[in-house]
Amino acid sequence: MEKTNSKIMTLSFAIAGALVGLTVHFLIKAFSGAFGFVAKLADNDLFKHGLPVATGIVLFAALQFNPRVLAWGEEVVSEIRKVVWPSRKDTTAMTIVCVVMVLISSVIISSFDLISGFFINFLMK
């Protein structure tokens, strides 16, 4: 495994662990407002802060030291390196085209809505 691929995968696994830990923290916060027994557990700092950190560390370790996950990650990074990304100029041009098409579509749909609204009001009177 290349050293740069290893660094990318380790950073990705660390970010995944941090996101899972943050999710567990928010779930504890949300469930403590809904369930009394979770609120009692959330009063304990070890549960409130330790569980999210422990969950993130366990996920990081499970990803980092699993050979199948490492092989999969190596394949993903090598395939991503093969992708030919568009230039900044092409990306800007395509973004402008998309924004213009959305504006044109919104004008057409809004005009159909306005006309049909007037027609329905005319029929109702």
C-alpha atoms as a PDB file:
ATOM      1  CA  MET A   1       0.000   0.000   0.000  1.00  0.00           C
ATOM      2  CA  GLU A   2       1.307   3.426  -0.898  1.00  0.00           C
ATOM      3  CA  LYS A   3       2.103   5.784   1.938  1.00  0.00           C
ATOM      4  CA  THR A   4      -0.185   8.536   0.594  1.00  0.00           C
ATOM      5  CA  ASN A   5      -3.081   6.089   0.187  1.00  0.00           C
ATOM      6  CA  SER A   6      -2.523   4.943   3.769  1.00  0.00           C
ATOM      7  CA  LYS A   7      -2.663   8.525   5.017  1.00  0.00           C
ATOM      8  CA  ILE A   8      -5.835   9.233   3.057  1.00  0.00           C
ATOM      9  CA  MET A   9      -7.556   6.122   4.384  1.00  0.00           C
ATOM     10  CA  THR A  10      -6.453   6.758   7.983  1.00  0.00           C
ATOM     11  CA  LEU A  11      -7.775  10.320   7.781  1.00  0.00           C
ATOM     12  CA  SER A  12     -11.035   9.073   6.245  1.00  0.00           C
ATOM     13  CA  PHE A  13     -11.464   6.465   8.985  1.00  0.00           C
ATOM     14  CA  ALA A  14     -10.749   9.093  11.657  1.00  0.00           C
ATOM     15  CA  ILE A  15     -13.354  11.430  10.156  1.00  0.00           C
ATOM     16  CA  ALA A  16     -15.868   8.550  10.011  1.00  0.00           C
ATOM     17  CA  GLY A  17     -15.200   7.770  13.683  1.00  0.00           C
ATOM     18  CA  ALA A  18     -15.632  11.432  14.631  1.00  0.00           C
ATOM     19  CA  LEU A  19     -18.900  11.691  12.707  1.00  0.00           C
ATOM     20  CA  VAL A  20     -20.271   8.533  14.321  1.00  0.00           C
ATOM     21  CA  GLY A  21     -19.254   9.827  17.755  1.00  0.00           C
ATOM     22  CA  LEU A  22     -20.973  13.146  17.048  1.00  0.00           C
ATOM     23  CA  THR A  23     -24.086  11.303  15.869  1.00  0.00           C
ATOM     24  CA  VAL A  24     -24.170   9.211  19.049  1.00  0.00           C
ATOM     25  CA  HIS A  25     -23.802  12.414  21.100  1.00  0.00           C
ATOM     26  CA  PHE A  26     -26.769  14.026  19.324  1.00  0.00           C
ATOM     27  CA  LEU A  27     -28.833  10.853  19.658  1.00  0.00           C
ATOM     28  CA  ILE A  28     -28.189  10.768  23.396  1.00  0.00           C
ATOM     29  CA  LYS A  29     -29.212  14.418  23.608  1.00  0.00           C
ATOM     30  CA  ALA A  30     -32.391  13.835  21.585  1.00  0.00           C
ATOM     31  CA  PHE A  31     -33.394  10.634  23.362  1.00  0.00           C
ATOM     32  CA  SER A  32     -32.784  12.158  26.789  1.00  0.00           C
ATOM     33  CA  GLY A  33     -35.586  14.601  26.037  1.00  0.00           C
ATOM     34  CA  ALA A  34     -37.904  11.813  24.946  1.00  0.00           C
ATOM     35  CA  PHE A  35     -37.100   8.935  27.296  1.00  0.00           C
ATOM     36  CA  GLY A  36     -36.709   9.212  31.058  1.00  0.00           C
ATOM     37  CA  PHE A  37     -34.225   6.376  31.481  1.00  0.00           C
ATOM     38  CA  VAL A  38     -31.932   7.911  28.837  1.00  0.00           C
ATOM     39  CA  ALA A  39     -32.192  11.262  30.637  1.00  0.00           C
ATOM     40  CA  LYS A  40     -31.076   9.577  33.864  1.00  0.00           C
ATOM     41  CA  LEU A  41     -28.162   7.966  32.024  1.00  0.00           C
ATOM     42  CA  ALA A  42     -27.294  11.275  30.338  1.00  0.00           C
ATOM     43  CA  ASP A  43     -26.753  12.844  33.775  1.00  0.00           C
ATOM     44  CA  ASN A  44     -23.686  10.601  34.067  1.00  0.00           C
ATOM     45  CA  ASP A  45     -20.717  12.258  32.326  1.00  0.00           C
ATOM     46  CA  LEU A  46     -19.170   8.903  31.464  1.00  0.00           C
ATOM     47  CA  PHE A  47     -22.282   7.954  29.485  1.00  0.00           C
ATOM     48  CA  LYS A  48     -22.866  11.439  28.068  1.00  0.00           C
ATOM     49  CA  HIS A  49     -19.312  12.050  26.845  1.00  0.00           C
ATOM     50  CA  GLY A  50     -17.575   8.708  27.110  1.00  0.00           C
ATOM     51  CA  LEU A  51     -19.983   6.665  24.982  1.00  0.00           C
ATOM     52  CA  PRO A  52     -19.671   8.873  21.872  1.00  0.00           C
ATOM     53  CA  VAL A  53     -15.871   8.993  22.168  1.00  0.00           C
ATOM     54  CA  ALA A  54     -15.643   5.242  22.773  1.00  0.00           C
ATOM     55  CA  THR A  55     -17.959   4.547  19.822  1.00  0.00           C
ATOM     56  CA  GLY A  56     -15.837   6.714  17.525  1.00  0.00           C
ATOM     57  CA  ILE A  57     -12.593   5.097  18.675  1.00  0.00           C
ATOM     58  CA  VAL A  58     -14.004   1.576  18.295  1.00  0.00           C
ATOM     59  CA  LEU A  59     -15.246   2.359  14.782  1.00  0.00           C
ATOM     60  CA  PHE A  60     -11.866   3.854  13.831  1.00  0.00           C
ATOM     61  CA  ALA A  61     -10.023   0.810  15.151  1.00  0.00           C
ATOM     62  CA  ALA A  62     -12.437  -1.597  13.441  1.00  0.00           C
ATOM     63  CA  LEU A  63     -11.914   0.143  10.118  1.00  0.00           C
ATOM     64  CA  GLN A  64      -8.184   0.782  10.455  1.00  0.00           C
ATOM     65  CA  PHE A  65      -7.160  -2.735  11.474  1.00  0.00           C
ATOM     66  CA  ASN A  66      -9.515  -4.796   9.283  1.00  0.00           C
ATOM     67  CA  PRO A  67      -7.553  -6.142   6.281  1.00  0.00           C
ATOM     68  CA  ARG A  68     -10.673  -6.447   4.106  1.00  0.00           C
ATOM     69  CA  VAL A  69     -11.616  -2.820   4.736  1.00  0.00           C
ATOM     70  CA  LEU A  70      -8.051  -1.715   4.029  1.00  0.00           C
ATOM     71  CA  ALA A  71      -8.025  -3.645   0.722  1.00  0.00           C
ATOM     72  CA  TRP A  72     -11.367  -2.096  -0.229  1.00  0.00           C
ATOM     73  CA  GLY A  73     -10.113   1.372   0.714  1.00  0.00           C
ATOM     74  CA  GLU A  74      -6.961   0.866  -1.337  1.00  0.00           C
ATOM     75  CA  GLU A  75      -9.075  -0.044  -4.371  1.00  0.00           C
ATOM     76  CA  VAL A  76     -11.337   2.977  -3.862  1.00  0.00           C
ATOM     77  CA  VAL A  77      -8.419   5.406  -3.587  1.00  0.00           C
ATOM     78  CA  SER A  78      -6.702   3.935  -6.659  1.00  0.00           C
ATOM     79  CA  GLU A  79      -9.936   4.197  -8.683  1.00  0.00           C
ATOM     80  CA  ILE A  80     -10.535   7.777  -7.538  1.00  0.00           C
ATOM     81  CA  ARG A  81      -7.027   8.678  -8.695  1.00  0.00           C
ATOM     82  CA  LYS A  82      -7.974   7.485 -12.213  1.00  0.00           C
ATOM     83  CA  VAL A  83     -10.905   9.889 -12.460  1.00  0.00           C
ATOM     84  CA  VAL A  84     -10.378  12.793 -14.831  1.00  0.00           C
ATOM     85  CA  TRP A  85     -11.885  15.771 -13.054  1.00  0.00           C
ATOM     86  CA  PRO A  86     -13.200  18.732 -15.096  1.00  0.00           C
ATOM     87  CA  SER A  87     -11.286  21.971 -15.064  1.00  0.00           C
ATOM     88  CA  ARG A  88     -12.435  24.989 -13.087  1.00  0.00           C
ATOM     89  CA  LYS A  89     -13.471  26.715 -16.326  1.00  0.00           C
ATOM     90  CA  ASP A  90     -15.643  23.746 -17.397  1.00  0.00           C
ATOM     91  CA  THR A  91     -17.195  23.469 -13.942  1.00  0.00           C
ATOM     92  CA  THR A  92     -18.029  27.174 -13.908  1.00  0.00           C
ATOM     93  CA  ALA A  93     -19.561  27.011 -17.388  1.00  0.00           C
ATOM     94  CA  MET A  94     -21.715  23.994 -16.533  1.00  0.00           C
ATOM     95  CA  THR A  95     -22.847  25.633 -13.281  1.00  0.00           C
ATOM     96  CA  ILE A  96     -23.935  28.738 -15.174  1.00  0.00           C
ATOM     97  CA  VAL A  97     -25.804  26.580 -17.708  1.00  0.00           C
ATOM     98  CA  CYS A  98     -27.606  24.749 -14.877  1.00  0.00           C
ATOM     99  CA  VAL A  99     -28.585  27.974 -13.107  1.00  0.00           C
ATOM    100  CA  VAL A 100     -29.904  29.497 -16.354  1.00  0.00           C
ATOM    101  CA  MET A 101     -31.925  26.342 -17.135  1.00  0.00           C
ATOM    102  CA  VAL A 102     -33.421  26.340 -13.635  1.00  0.00           C
ATOM    103  CA  LEU A 103     -34.400  29.996 -14.004  1.00  0.00           C
ATOM    104  CA  ILE A 104     -35.997  29.375 -17.412  1.00  0.00           C
ATOM    105  CA  SER A 105     -37.858  26.351 -16.056  1.00  0.00           C
ATOM    106  CA  SER A 106     -39.096  28.306 -13.048  1.00  0.00           C
ATOM    107  CA  VAL A 107     -40.403  31.100 -15.288  1.00  0.00           C
ATOM    108  CA  ILE A 108     -42.242  28.598 -17.510  1.00  0.00           C
ATOM    109  CA  ILE A 109     -43.765  26.685 -14.576  1.00  0.00           C
ATOM    110  CA  SER A 110     -44.699  29.911 -12.760  1.00  0.00           C
ATOM    111  CA  SER A 111     -46.406  31.293 -15.861  1.00  0.00           C
ATOM    112  CA  PHE A 112     -48.389  28.050 -16.321  1.00  0.00           C
ATOM    113  CA  ASP A 113     -49.391  28.226 -12.657  1.00  0.00           C
ATOM    114  CA  LEU A 114     -50.434  31.870 -12.943  1.00  0.00           C
ATOM    115  CA  ILE A 115     -52.447  31.278 -16.132  1.00  0.00           C
ATOM    116  CA  SER A 116     -54.148  28.178 -14.759  1.00  0.00           C
ATOM    117  CA  GLY A 117     -54.966  30.048 -11.535  1.00  0.00           C
ATOM    118  CA  PHE A 118     -56.616  32.876 -13.479  1.00  0.00           C
ATOM    119  CA  PHE A 119     -58.519  30.333 -15.606  1.00  0.00           C
ATOM    120  CA  ILE A 120     -59.774  28.415 -12.556  1.00  0.00           C
ATOM    121  CA  ASN A 121     -60.829  31.674 -10.850  1.00  0.00           C
ATOM    122  CA  PHE A 122     -62.651  32.733 -14.035  1.00  0.00           C
ATOM    123  CA  LEU A 123     -64.504  29.399 -14.150  1.00  0.00           C
ATOM    124  CA  MET A 124     -65.397  29.565 -10.458  1.00  0.00           C
ATOM    125  CA  LYS A 125     -67.071  33.007 -10.821  1.00  0.00           C
END
